[in-house]
Amino acid sequence: MAKVCDICGKGPVFGHNVSHANNKTRKVWYPNLHKVKTFKDGRTIRMKVCARCLRSGSVTKAA
C-alpha cells in the first residue's frame, strides 16, 4: 500500500533521529492520510487523501 496522497502526491519523508550523543538512526515521517469516499467523474470512489487536501477543499466528499 503506497502511503501517498491521491490529490497532491505527498508521500513519506526520510531523515535521521539524532540523539544527544549524535548517534543517527533512520526515521520516516508519513503524511496524515485518510480513506475518503469522493465524487470523481460522476461516480463515487475511495481515495487516500492527506489532511491538508481535505481541509483546503480540494476534495468533494460523497454523502
Protein backbone atom coordinates (compact mmCIF):
# COMPACT_ATOMS: atom_id res chain seq x y z
CA MET A 1 0.00 0.00 0.00
CA ALA A 2 1.57 3.27 -1.12
CA LYS A 3 1.43 5.95 1.57
CA VAL A 4 0.88 8.75 -0.93
CA CYS A 5 -1.92 11.33 -1.22
CA ASP A 6 -4.01 10.75 -4.37
CA ILE A 7 -4.57 14.52 -4.80
CA CYS A 8 -1.24 16.28 -4.18
CA GLY A 9 1.19 13.35 -4.26
CA LYS A 10 2.58 13.99 -0.78
CA GLY A 11 4.49 10.94 0.43
CA PRO A 12 6.94 9.76 3.10
CA VAL A 13 9.92 11.92 4.06
CA PHE A 14 13.17 10.31 5.19
CA GLY A 15 15.75 11.57 7.66
CA HIS A 16 17.52 10.71 10.91
CA ASN A 17 16.77 10.61 14.61
CA VAL A 18 19.74 12.34 16.19
CA SER A 19 20.48 11.61 19.85
CA HIS A 20 22.27 13.86 22.32
CA ALA A 21 25.38 11.73 21.68
CA ASN A 22 24.95 12.49 17.94
CA ASN A 23 24.01 8.86 17.10
CA LYS A 24 21.93 8.76 13.92
CA THR A 25 19.22 6.19 13.18
CA ARG A 26 16.86 6.12 10.21
CA LYS A 27 13.50 7.85 10.61
CA VAL A 28 10.44 8.10 8.34
CA TRP A 29 7.66 10.69 8.58
CA TYR A 30 4.39 9.64 6.93
CA PRO A 31 1.67 12.01 5.72
CA ASN A 32 -1.63 12.18 7.62
CA LEU A 33 -3.75 10.14 5.17
CA HIS A 34 -7.46 9.35 5.39
CA LYS A 35 -9.53 6.98 3.27
CA VAL A 36 -12.43 9.08 1.96
CA LYS A 37 -15.31 8.40 -0.41
CA THR A 38 -15.26 11.12 -3.07
CA PHE A 39 -17.04 12.11 -6.26
CA LYS A 40 -14.86 11.89 -9.36
CA ASP A 41 -16.11 11.87 -12.95
CA GLY A 42 -19.73 11.44 -11.78
CA ARG A 43 -19.14 8.35 -9.66
CA THR A 44 -18.15 7.57 -6.08
CA ILE A 45 -14.66 6.20 -5.46
CA ARG A 46 -12.48 5.69 -2.38
CA MET A 47 -9.28 7.73 -2.24
CA LYS A 48 -6.38 8.21 0.15
CA VAL A 49 -6.25 11.95 0.85
CA CYS A 50 -3.97 13.93 3.17
CA ALA A 51 -5.42 16.19 5.87
CA ARG A 52 -4.31 19.36 4.09
CA CYS A 53 -6.21 18.47 0.90
CA LEU A 54 -9.31 17.65 2.94
CA ARG A 55 -9.09 20.90 4.89
CA SER A 56 -8.45 23.08 1.83
CA GLY A 57 -11.49 21.76 -0.02
CA SER A 58 -9.57 20.05 -2.83
CA VAL A 59 -11.88 17.03 -2.41
CA THR A 60 -15.66 16.74 -2.82
CA LYS A 61 -16.75 14.19 -0.21
CA ALA A 62 -19.59 11.80 -1.04
CA ALA A 63 -22.62 11.77 1.23
